[in-house]
């Protein structure tokens, strides 16, 4: 059973598990299924029950790699705001650095 299949099996038992959803999105990224990966990360980032800060950063990173820079900037701005709300200053700083690299 592949890692992706294992994650999918665990998600079948707990489909709202934010960490498993994030892990699946990262597996999809490894498989170069960027569209599905970014979609899952966006859902996870904006899910009011999850607000998974790392999802903002990883989705933005992929979008930047795919030359979708404006969308990446939007995710980074929203992610910085959410990270600050959660008092996750390290994540806010990392996203701020990437935002600076992409130009404001």
PDB file of N, CA and C in Angstrom:
ATOM      1  N   UNK A   1       0.853  -1.178   0.000  1.00  0.00           N
ATOM      2  CA  UNK A   1       0.000   0.000   0.000  1.00  0.00           C
ATOM      3  C   UNK A   1       0.900   1.242   0.000  1.00  0.00           C
ATOM      4  N   UNK A   2       0.629   2.155  -0.909  1.00  0.00           N
ATOM      5  CA  UNK A   2       1.431   3.380  -0.998  1.00  0.00           C
ATOM      6  C   UNK A   2       1.118   4.316   0.171  1.00  0.00           C
ATOM      7  N   UNK A   3       1.989   5.266   0.359  1.00  0.00           N
ATOM      8  CA  UNK A   3       1.773   6.272   1.420  1.00  0.00           C
ATOM      9  C   UNK A   3       0.465   7.013   1.178  1.00  0.00           C
ATOM     10  N   UNK A   4       0.210   7.360  -0.069  1.00  0.00           N
ATOM     11  CA  UNK A   4      -1.034   8.053  -0.414  1.00  0.00           C
ATOM     12  C   UNK A   4      -2.237   7.192  -0.057  1.00  0.00           C
ATOM     13  N   UNK A   5      -2.186   5.906  -0.378  1.00  0.00           N
ATOM     14  CA  UNK A   5      -3.290   5.001  -0.048  1.00  0.00           C
ATOM     15  C   UNK A   5      -3.490   4.894   1.466  1.00  0.00           C
ATOM     16  N   UNK A   6      -2.398   4.874   2.207  1.00  0.00           N
ATOM     17  CA  UNK A   6      -2.491   4.818   3.666  1.00  0.00           C
ATOM     18  C   UNK A   6      -3.175   6.081   4.207  1.00  0.00           C
ATOM     19  N   UNK A   7      -2.798   7.221   3.672  1.00  0.00           N
ATOM     20  CA  UNK A   7      -3.404   8.481   4.111  1.00  0.00           C
ATOM     21  C   UNK A   7      -4.891   8.493   3.773  1.00  0.00           C
ATOM     22  N   UNK A   8      -5.220   8.060   2.559  1.00  0.00           N
ATOM     23  CA  UNK A   8      -6.625   8.003   2.154  1.00  0.00           C
ATOM     24  C   UNK A   8      -7.430   7.074   3.058  1.00  0.00           C
ATOM     25  N   UNK A   9      -6.850   5.959   3.450  1.00  0.00           N
ATOM     26  CA  UNK A   9      -7.534   5.028   4.354  1.00  0.00           C
ATOM     27  C   UNK A   9      -7.788   5.677   5.711  1.00  0.00           C
ATOM     28  N   UNK A  10      -6.801   6.396   6.219  1.00  0.00           N
ATOM     29  CA  UNK A  10      -6.979   7.079   7.503  1.00  0.00           C
ATOM     30  C   UNK A  10      -8.002   8.204   7.388  1.00  0.00           C
ATOM     31  N   UNK A  11      -8.007   8.900   6.255  1.00  0.00           N
ATOM     32  CA  UNK A  11      -8.983   9.963   6.044  1.00  0.00           C
ATOM     33  C   UNK A  11     -10.403   9.424   5.947  1.00  0.00           C
ATOM     34  N   UNK A  12     -10.546   8.206   5.475  1.00  0.00           N
ATOM     35  CA  UNK A  12     -11.873   7.593   5.410  1.00  0.00           C
ATOM     36  C   UNK A  12     -12.468   7.472   6.809  1.00  0.00           C
ATOM     37  N   UNK A  13     -11.600   7.237   7.793  1.00  0.00           N
ATOM     38  CA  UNK A  13     -12.050   7.136   9.183  1.00  0.00           C
ATOM     39  C   UNK A  13     -12.284   8.506   9.817  1.00  0.00           C
ATOM     40  N   UNK A  14     -11.524   9.498   9.388  1.00  0.00           N
ATOM     41  CA  UNK A  14     -11.624  10.837   9.986  1.00  0.00           C
ATOM     42  C   UNK A  14     -11.391  11.898   8.903  1.00  0.00           C
ATOM     43  N   UNK A  15     -12.407  12.149   8.063  1.00  0.00           N
ATOM     44  CA  UNK A  15     -12.230  13.043   6.915  1.00  0.00           C
ATOM     45  C   UNK A  15     -11.937  14.501   7.278  1.00  0.00           C
ATOM     46  N   UNK A  16     -12.145  14.892   8.511  1.00  0.00           N
ATOM     47  CA  UNK A  16     -11.892  16.282   8.901  1.00  0.00           C
ATOM     48  C   UNK A  16     -10.517  16.482   9.531  1.00  0.00           C
ATOM     49  N   UNK A  17      -9.730  15.434   9.630  1.00  0.00           N
ATOM     50  CA  UNK A  17      -8.410  15.533  10.246  1.00  0.00           C
ATOM     51  C   UNK A  17      -7.522  16.462   9.408  1.00  0.00           C
ATOM     52  N   UNK A  18      -7.215  17.631   9.966  1.00  0.00           N
ATOM     53  CA  UNK A  18      -6.463  18.654   9.226  1.00  0.00           C
ATOM     54  C   UNK A  18      -5.064  18.173   8.855  1.00  0.00           C
ATOM     55  N   UNK A  19      -4.393  17.488   9.762  1.00  0.00           N
ATOM     56  CA  UNK A  19      -3.041  17.026   9.467  1.00  0.00           C
ATOM     57  C   UNK A  19      -3.039  16.009   8.322  1.00  0.00           C
ATOM     58  N   UNK A  20      -3.991  15.084   8.332  1.00  0.00           N
ATOM     59  CA  UNK A  20      -4.067  14.094   7.259  1.00  0.00           C
ATOM     60  C   UNK A  20      -4.399  14.756   5.921  1.00  0.00           C
ATOM     61  N   UNK A  21      -5.280  15.732   5.946  1.00  0.00           N
ATOM     62  CA  UNK A  21      -5.619  16.456   4.716  1.00  0.00           C
ATOM     63  C   UNK A  21      -4.394  17.185   4.173  1.00  0.00           C
ATOM     64  N   UNK A  22      -3.634  17.790   5.062  1.00  0.00           N
ATOM     65  CA  UNK A  22      -2.408  18.486   4.668  1.00  0.00           C
ATOM     66  C   UNK A  22      -1.394  17.488   4.092  1.00  0.00           C
ATOM     67  N   UNK A  23      -1.247  16.367   4.757  1.00  0.00           N
ATOM     68  CA  UNK A  23      -0.308  15.333   4.307  1.00  0.00           C
ATOM     69  C   UNK A  23      -0.692  14.805   2.934  1.00  0.00           C
ATOM     70  N   UNK A  24      -1.974  14.608   2.694  1.00  0.00           N
ATOM     71  CA  UNK A  24      -2.426  14.153   1.385  1.00  0.00           C
ATOM     72  C   UNK A  24      -2.111  15.205   0.317  1.00  0.00           C
ATOM     73  N   UNK A  25      -2.330  16.458   0.623  1.00  0.00           N
ATOM     74  CA  UNK A  25      -2.011  17.527  -0.332  1.00  0.00           C
ATOM     75  C   UNK A  25      -0.528  17.526  -0.669  1.00  0.00           C
ATOM     76  N   UNK A  26       0.318  17.252   0.310  1.00  0.00           N
ATOM     77  CA  UNK A  26       1.762  17.201   0.062  1.00  0.00           C
ATOM     78  C   UNK A  26       2.129  15.987  -0.798  1.00  0.00           C
ATOM     79  N   UNK A  27       1.428  14.878  -0.596  1.00  0.00           N
ATOM     80  CA  UNK A  27       1.655  13.699  -1.440  1.00  0.00           C
ATOM     81  C   UNK A  27       1.262  13.999  -2.884  1.00  0.00           C
ATOM     82  N   UNK A  28       0.156  14.695  -3.054  1.00  0.00           N
ATOM     83  CA  UNK A  28      -0.279  15.071  -4.395  1.00  0.00           C
ATOM     84  C   UNK A  28       0.743  15.991  -5.056  1.00  0.00           C
ATOM     85  N   UNK A  29       1.334  16.858  -4.269  1.00  0.00           N
ATOM     86  CA  UNK A  29       2.375  17.734  -4.803  1.00  0.00           C
ATOM     87  C   UNK A  29       3.566  16.914  -5.304  1.00  0.00           C
ATOM     88  N   UNK A  30       3.944  15.908  -4.524  1.00  0.00           N
ATOM     89  CA  UNK A  30       5.050  15.028  -4.935  1.00  0.00           C
ATOM     90  C   UNK A  30       4.750  14.336  -6.253  1.00  0.00           C
ATOM     91  N   UNK A  31       3.477  14.034  -6.475  1.00  0.00           N
ATOM     92  CA  UNK A  31       3.049  13.369  -7.704  1.00  0.00           C
ATOM     93  C   UNK A  31       2.834  14.366  -8.846  1.00  0.00           C
ATOM     94  N   UNK A  32       3.134  15.631  -8.601  1.00  0.00           N
ATOM     95  CA  UNK A  32       2.955  16.723  -9.573  1.00  0.00           C
ATOM     96  C   UNK A  32       1.489  16.966  -9.922  1.00  0.00           C
ATOM     97  N   UNK A  33       0.593  16.590  -9.017  1.00  0.00           N
ATOM     98  CA  UNK A  33      -0.827  16.898  -9.188  1.00  0.00           C
ATOM     99  C   UNK A  33      -1.081  18.227  -8.463  1.00  0.00           C
ATOM    100  N   UNK A  34      -0.525  19.281  -9.044  1.00  0.00           N
ATOM    101  CA  UNK A  34      -0.551  20.586  -8.388  1.00  0.00           C
ATOM    102  C   UNK A  34      -1.956  21.155  -8.268  1.00  0.00           C
ATOM    103  N   UNK A  35      -2.765  20.935  -9.265  1.00  0.00           N
ATOM    104  CA  UNK A  35      -4.126  21.474  -9.215  1.00  0.00           C
ATOM    105  C   UNK A  35      -4.884  20.922  -8.011  1.00  0.00           C
ATOM    106  N   UNK A  36      -4.856  19.612  -7.831  1.00  0.00           N
ATOM    107  CA  UNK A  36      -5.556  18.998  -6.709  1.00  0.00           C
ATOM    108  C   UNK A  36      -4.900  19.368  -5.379  1.00  0.00           C
ATOM    109  N   UNK A  37      -3.575  19.413  -5.367  1.00  0.00           N
ATOM    110  CA  UNK A  37      -2.861  19.764  -4.149  1.00  0.00           C
ATOM    111  C   UNK A  37      -3.222  21.174  -3.695  1.00  0.00           C
ATOM    112  N   UNK A  38      -3.162  22.123  -4.612  1.00  0.00           N
ATOM    113  CA  UNK A  38      -3.480  23.516  -4.264  1.00  0.00           C
ATOM    114  C   UNK A  38      -4.939  23.646  -3.843  1.00  0.00           C
ATOM    115  N   UNK A  39      -5.823  22.946  -4.533  1.00  0.00           N
ATOM    116  CA  UNK A  39      -7.240  22.980  -4.156  1.00  0.00           C
ATOM    117  C   UNK A  39      -7.428  22.500  -2.720  1.00  0.00           C
ATOM    118  N   UNK A  40      -6.800  21.391  -2.386  1.00  0.00           N
ATOM    119  CA  UNK A  40      -6.924  20.854  -1.024  1.00  0.00           C
ATOM    120  C   UNK A  40      -6.318  21.805   0.002  1.00  0.00           C
ATOM    121  N   UNK A  41      -5.176  22.385  -0.324  1.00  0.00           N
ATOM    122  CA  UNK A  41      -4.534  23.310   0.598  1.00  0.00           C
ATOM    123  C   UNK A  41      -5.379  24.562   0.821  1.00  0.00           C
ATOM    124  N   UNK A  42      -5.969  25.074  -0.243  1.00  0.00           N
ATOM    125  CA  UNK A  42      -6.858  26.238  -0.099  1.00  0.00           C
ATOM    126  C   UNK A  42      -8.035  25.906   0.809  1.00  0.00           C
ATOM    127  N   UNK A  43      -8.646  24.742   0.565  1.00  0.00           N
ATOM    128  CA  UNK A  43      -9.776  24.329   1.400  1.00  0.00           C
ATOM    129  C   UNK A  43      -9.366  24.244   2.860  1.00  0.00           C
ATOM    130  N   UNK A  44      -8.216  23.686   3.100  1.00  0.00           N
ATOM    131  CA  UNK A  44      -7.716  23.527   4.461  1.00  0.00           C
ATOM    132  C   UNK A  44      -7.374  24.882   5.087  1.00  0.00           C
ATOM    133  N   UNK A  45      -6.780  25.761   4.299  1.00  0.00           N
ATOM    134  CA  UNK A  45      -6.403  27.087   4.813  1.00  0.00           C
ATOM    135  C   UNK A  45      -7.625  27.893   5.222  1.00  0.00           C
ATOM    136  N   UNK A  46      -8.671  27.830   4.425  1.00  0.00           N
ATOM    137  CA  UNK A  46      -9.852  28.661   4.674  1.00  0.00           C
ATOM    138  C   UNK A  46     -10.966  27.940   5.426  1.00  0.00           C
ATOM    139  N   UNK A  47     -10.747  26.680   5.785  1.00  0.00           N
ATOM    140  CA  UNK A  47     -11.727  25.930   6.570  1.00  0.00           C
ATOM    141  C   UNK A  47     -11.828  26.565   7.951  1.00  0.00           C
ATOM    142  N   UNK A  48     -13.003  27.076   8.313  1.00  0.00           N
ATOM    143  CA  UNK A  48     -13.124  27.754   9.609  1.00  0.00           C
ATOM    144  C   UNK A  48     -12.824  26.855  10.814  1.00  0.00           C
ATOM    145  N   UNK A  49     -12.942  25.547  10.621  1.00  0.00           N
ATOM    146  CA  UNK A  49     -12.649  24.627  11.726  1.00  0.00           C
ATOM    147  C   UNK A  49     -11.173  24.270  11.804  1.00  0.00           C
ATOM    148  N   UNK A  50     -10.429  24.519  10.733  1.00  0.00           N
ATOM    149  CA  UNK A  50      -9.019  24.117  10.713  1.00  0.00           C
ATOM    150  C   UNK A  50      -8.075  25.313  10.759  1.00  0.00           C
ATOM    151  N   UNK A  51      -8.246  26.256   9.811  1.00  0.00           N
ATOM    152  CA  UNK A  51      -7.344  27.409   9.702  1.00  0.00           C
ATOM    153  C   UNK A  51      -5.893  26.952   9.835  1.00  0.00           C
ATOM    154  N   UNK A  52      -5.507  26.007   8.993  1.00  0.00           N
ATOM    155  CA  UNK A  52      -4.191  25.380   9.027  1.00  0.00           C
ATOM    156  C   UNK A  52      -3.184  26.308   8.358  1.00  0.00           C
ATOM    157  N   UNK A  53      -2.420  27.016   9.145  1.00  0.00           N
ATOM    158  CA  UNK A  53      -1.537  28.073   8.653  1.00  0.00           C
ATOM    159  C   UNK A  53      -0.542  27.569   7.619  1.00  0.00           C
ATOM    160  N   UNK A  54       0.023  26.405   7.819  1.00  0.00           N
ATOM    161  CA  UNK A  54       1.008  25.883   6.867  1.00  0.00           C
ATOM    162  C   UNK A  54       0.404  25.696   5.480  1.00  0.00           C
ATOM    163  N   UNK A  55      -0.899  25.490   5.405  1.00  0.00           N
ATOM    164  CA  UNK A  55      -1.553  25.298   4.112  1.00  0.00           C
ATOM    165  C   UNK A  55      -1.486  26.570   3.267  1.00  0.00           C
ATOM    166  N   UNK A  56      -1.586  27.728   3.904  1.00  0.00           N
ATOM    167  CA  UNK A  56      -1.460  28.990   3.173  1.00  0.00           C
ATOM    168  C   UNK A  56      -0.088  29.063   2.499  1.00  0.00           C
ATOM    169  N   UNK A  57       0.935  28.776   3.280  1.00  0.00           N
ATOM    170  CA  UNK A  57       2.309  28.893   2.786  1.00  0.00           C
ATOM    171  C   UNK A  57       2.577  27.904   1.657  1.00  0.00           C
ATOM    172  N   UNK A  58       2.198  26.648   1.848  1.00  0.00           N
ATOM    173  CA  UNK A  58       2.495  25.630   0.849  1.00  0.00           C
ATOM    174  C   UNK A  58       1.699  25.851  -0.437  1.00  0.00           C
ATOM    175  N   UNK A  59       0.456  26.287  -0.322  1.00  0.00           N
ATOM    176  CA  UNK A  59      -0.324  26.586  -1.525  1.00  0.00           C
ATOM    177  C   UNK A  59       0.299  27.759  -2.268  1.00  0.00           C
ATOM    178  N   UNK A  60       0.697  28.785  -1.533  1.00  0.00           N
ATOM    179  CA  UNK A  60       1.322  29.956  -2.158  1.00  0.00           C
ATOM    180  C   UNK A  60       2.635  29.575  -2.831  1.00  0.00           C
ATOM    181  N   UNK A  61       3.394  28.744  -2.188  1.00  0.00           N
ATOM    182  CA  UNK A  61       4.668  28.304  -2.761  1.00  0.00           C
ATOM    183  C   UNK A  61       4.444  27.583  -4.094  1.00  0.00           C
ATOM    184  N   UNK A  62       3.476  26.678  -4.116  1.00  0.00           N
ATOM    185  CA  UNK A  62       3.184  25.967  -5.363  1.00  0.00           C
ATOM    186  C   UNK A  62       2.680  26.920  -6.438  1.00  0.00           C
ATOM    187  N   UNK A  63       1.800  27.832  -6.071  1.00  0.00           N
ATOM    188  CA  UNK A  63       1.268  28.774  -7.048  1.00  0.00           C
ATOM    189  C   UNK A  63       2.384  29.638  -7.631  1.00  0.00           C
ATOM    190  N   UNK A  64       3.314  30.046  -6.802  1.00  0.00           N
ATOM    191  CA  UNK A  64       4.448  30.840  -7.292  1.00  0.00           C
ATOM    192  C   UNK A  64       5.272  30.028  -8.287  1.00  0.00           C
ATOM    193  N   UNK A  65       5.484  28.761  -7.982  1.00  0.00           N
ATOM    194  CA  UNK A  65       6.230  27.883  -8.890  1.00  0.00           C
ATOM    195  C   UNK A  65       5.506  27.700 -10.216  1.00  0.00           C
ATOM    196  N   UNK A  66       4.187  27.822 -10.189  1.00  0.00           N
ATOM    197  CA  UNK A  66       3.368  27.660 -11.386  1.00  0.00           C
ATOM    198  C   UNK A  66       3.100  29.001 -12.074  1.00  0.00           C
ATOM    199  N   UNK A  67       3.829  30.044 -11.666  1.00  0.00           N
ATOM    200  CA  UNK A  67       3.698  31.394 -12.217  1.00  0.00           C
ATOM    201  C   UNK A  67       2.312  32.006 -12.001  1.00  0.00           C
ATOM    202  N   UNK A  68       1.671  31.618 -10.937  1.00  0.00           N
ATOM    203  CA  UNK A  68       0.391  32.216 -10.548  1.00  0.00           C
ATOM    204  C   UNK A  68       0.663  33.120  -9.341  1.00  0.00           C
ATOM    205  N   UNK A  69       1.481  34.118  -9.593  1.00  0.00           N
ATOM    206  CA  UNK A  69       2.064  34.934  -8.525  1.00  0.00           C
ATOM    207  C   UNK A  69       1.013  35.755  -7.784  1.00  0.00           C
ATOM    208  N   UNK A  70       0.063  36.330  -8.486  1.00  0.00           N
ATOM    209  CA  UNK A  70      -0.939  37.162  -7.797  1.00  0.00           C
ATOM    210  C   UNK A  70      -1.765  36.327  -6.829  1.00  0.00           C
ATOM    211  N   UNK A  71      -2.138  35.118  -7.244  1.00  0.00           N
ATOM    212  CA  UNK A  71      -2.871  34.222  -6.339  1.00  0.00           C
ATOM    213  C   UNK A  71      -2.000  33.844  -5.145  1.00  0.00           C
ATOM    214  N   UNK A  72      -0.719  33.632  -5.392  1.00  0.00           N
ATOM    215  CA  UNK A  72       0.209  33.306  -4.309  1.00  0.00           C
ATOM    216  C   UNK A  72       0.281  34.461  -3.318  1.00  0.00           C
ATOM    217  N   UNK A  73       0.354  35.667  -3.821  1.00  0.00           N
ATOM    218  CA  UNK A  73       0.412  36.845  -2.939  1.00  0.00           C
ATOM    219  C   UNK A  73      -0.835  36.943  -2.062  1.00  0.00           C
ATOM    220  N   UNK A  74      -1.987  36.695  -2.669  1.00  0.00           N
ATOM    221  CA  UNK A  74      -3.236  36.758  -1.903  1.00  0.00           C
ATOM    222  C   UNK A  74      -3.227  35.736  -0.765  1.00  0.00           C
ATOM    223  N   UNK A  75      -2.823  34.519  -1.076  1.00  0.00           N
ATOM    224  CA  UNK A  75      -2.753  33.485  -0.034  1.00  0.00           C
ATOM    225  C   UNK A  75      -1.761  33.870   1.059  1.00  0.00           C
ATOM    226  N   UNK A  76      -0.646  34.438   0.667  1.00  0.00           N
ATOM    227  CA  UNK A  76       0.355  34.833   1.659  1.00  0.00           C
ATOM    228  C   UNK A  76      -0.175  35.943   2.561  1.00  0.00           C
ATOM    229  N   UNK A  77      -0.840  36.930   1.982  1.00  0.00           N
ATOM    230  CA  UNK A  77      -1.400  38.007   2.811  1.00  0.00           C
ATOM    231  C   UNK A  77      -2.421  37.452   3.798  1.00  0.00           C
ATOM    232  N   UNK A  78      -3.311  36.596   3.299  1.00  0.00           N
ATOM    233  CA  UNK A  78      -4.311  35.984   4.182  1.00  0.00           C
ATOM    234  C   UNK A  78      -3.645  35.093   5.224  1.00  0.00           C
ATOM    235  N   UNK A  79      -2.615  34.362   4.809  1.00  0.00           N
ATOM    236  CA  UNK A  79      -1.913  33.473   5.723  1.00  0.00           C
ATOM    237  C   UNK A  79      -1.176  34.228   6.815  1.00  0.00           C
ATOM    238  N   UNK A  80      -0.576  35.347   6.463  1.00  0.00           N
ATOM    239  CA  UNK A  80       0.117  36.172   7.464  1.00  0.00           C
ATOM    240  C   UNK A  80      -0.888  36.673   8.499  1.00  0.00           C
ATOM    241  N   UNK A  81      -2.027  37.120   8.016  1.00  0.00           N
ATOM    242  CA  UNK A  81      -3.072  37.601   8.922  1.00  0.00           C
ATOM    243  C   UNK A  81      -3.526  36.490   9.872  1.00  0.00           C
ATOM    244  N   UNK A  82      -3.763  35.301   9.315  1.00  0.00           N
ATOM    245  CA  UNK A  82      -4.213  34.177  10.142  1.00  0.00           C
ATOM    246  C   UNK A  82      -3.119  33.743  11.118  1.00  0.00           C
ATOM    247  N   UNK A  83      -1.884  33.696  10.659  1.00  0.00           N
ATOM    248  CA  UNK A  83      -0.770  33.312  11.540  1.00  0.00           C
ATOM    249  C   UNK A  83      -0.659  34.281  12.716  1.00  0.00           C
ATOM    250  N   UNK A  84      -0.820  35.554  12.446  1.00  0.00           N
ATOM    251  CA  UNK A  84      -0.769  36.549  13.536  1.00  0.00           C
ATOM    252  C   UNK A  84      -1.930  36.352  14.501  1.00  0.00           C
ATOM    253  N   UNK A  85      -3.117  36.052  13.958  1.00  0.00           N
ATOM    254  CA  UNK A  85      -4.272  35.788  14.831  1.00  0.00           C
ATOM    255  C   UNK A  85      -3.990  34.613  15.764  1.00  0.00           C
ATOM    256  N   UNK A  86      -3.257  33.619  15.225  1.00  0.00           N
ATOM    257  CA  UNK A  86      -2.931  32.430  16.021  1.00  0.00           C
ATOM    258  C   UNK A  86      -1.638  32.608  16.822  1.00  0.00           C
ATOM    259  N   UNK A  87      -1.064  33.802  16.756  1.00  0.00           N
ATOM    260  CA  UNK A  87       0.196  34.112  17.443  1.00  0.00           C
ATOM    261  C   UNK A  87       1.334  33.200  16.969  1.00  0.00           C
ATOM    262  N   UNK A  88       1.307  32.848  15.688  1.00  0.00           N
ATOM    263  CA  UNK A  88       2.353  32.029  15.085  1.00  0.00           C
ATOM    264  C   UNK A  88       3.268  32.964  14.292  1.00  0.00           C
ATOM    265  N   UNK A  89       4.119  33.649  15.024  1.00  0.00           N
ATOM    266  CA  UNK A  89       4.951  34.683  14.415  1.00  0.00           C
ATOM    267  C   UNK A  89       6.005  34.103  13.482  1.00  0.00           C
ATOM    268  N   UNK A  90       6.451  32.903  13.758  1.00  0.00           N
ATOM    269  CA  UNK A  90       7.429  32.260  12.878  1.00  0.00           C
ATOM    270  C   UNK A  90       6.825  32.044  11.488  1.00  0.00           C
ATOM    271  N   UNK A  91       5.625  31.489  11.438  1.00  0.00           N
ATOM    272  CA  UNK A  91       4.958  31.255  10.153  1.00  0.00           C
ATOM    273  C   UNK A  91       4.673  32.577   9.451  1.00  0.00           C
ATOM    274  N   UNK A  92       4.245  33.579  10.205  1.00  0.00           N
ATOM    275  CA  UNK A  92       3.981  34.896   9.609  1.00  0.00           C
ATOM    276  C   UNK A  92       5.254  35.459   8.981  1.00  0.00           C
ATOM    277  N   UNK A  93       6.378  35.290   9.664  1.00  0.00           N
ATOM    278  CA  UNK A  93       7.648  35.796   9.139  1.00  0.00           C
ATOM    279  C   UNK A  93       8.065  35.051   7.873  1.00  0.00           C
ATOM    280  N   UNK A  94       7.907  33.732   7.858  1.00  0.00           N
ATOM    281  CA  UNK A  94       8.257  32.950   6.669  1.00  0.00           C
ATOM    282  C   UNK A  94       7.409  33.377   5.473  1.00  0.00           C
ATOM    283  N   UNK A  95       6.123  33.562   5.712  1.00  0.00           N
ATOM    284  CA  UNK A  95       5.252  33.979   4.618  1.00  0.00           C
ATOM    285  C   UNK A  95       5.582  35.400   4.179  1.00  0.00           C
ATOM    286  N   UNK A  96       5.952  36.243   5.134  1.00  0.00           N
ATOM    287  CA  UNK A  96       6.356  37.600   4.795  1.00  0.00           C
ATOM    288  C   UNK A  96       7.596  37.620   3.918  1.00  0.00           C
ATOM    289  N   UNK A  97       8.526  36.730   4.193  1.00  0.00           N
ATOM    290  CA  UNK A  97       9.735  36.631   3.367  1.00  0.00           C
ATOM    291  C   UNK A  97       9.397  36.224   1.940  1.00  0.00           C
ATOM    292  N   UNK A  98       8.525  35.216   1.802  1.00  0.00           N
ATOM    293  CA  UNK A  98       8.156  34.783   0.465  1.00  0.00           C
ATOM    294  C   UNK A  98       7.380  35.891  -0.255  1.00  0.00           C
ATOM    295  N   UNK A  99       6.523  36.580   0.456  1.00  0.00           N
ATOM    296  CA  UNK A  99       5.771  37.693  -0.143  1.00  0.00           C
ATOM    297  C   UNK A  99       6.749  38.767  -0.646  1.00  0.00           C
ATOM    298  N   UNK A 100       7.758  39.057   0.135  1.00  0.00           N
ATOM    299  CA  UNK A 100       8.770  40.033  -0.297  1.00  0.00           C
ATOM    300  C   UNK A 100       9.499  39.568  -1.546  1.00  0.00           C
ATOM    301  N   UNK A 101       9.823  38.284  -1.591  1.00  0.00           N
ATOM    302  CA  UNK A 101      10.504  37.734  -2.770  1.00  0.00           C
ATOM    303  C   UNK A 101       9.634  37.847  -4.019  1.00  0.00           C
ATOM    304  N   UNK A 102       8.325  37.711  -3.836  1.00  0.00           N
ATOM    305  CA  UNK A 102       7.414  37.767  -4.972  1.00  0.00           C
ATOM    306  C   UNK A 102       7.065  39.208  -5.344  1.00  0.00           C
ATOM    307  N   UNK A 103       7.426  40.155  -4.494  1.00  0.00           N
ATOM    308  CA  UNK A 103       7.062  41.549  -4.723  1.00  0.00           C
ATOM    309  C   UNK A 103       5.648  41.792  -4.252  1.00  0.00           C
ATOM    310  N   UNK A 104       5.433  42.918  -3.672  1.00  0.00           N
ATOM    311  CA  UNK A 104       4.116  43.222  -3.096  1.00  0.00           C
ATOM    312  C   UNK A 104       3.240  43.847  -4.139  1.00  0.00           C
TER     313      UNK A 104
END
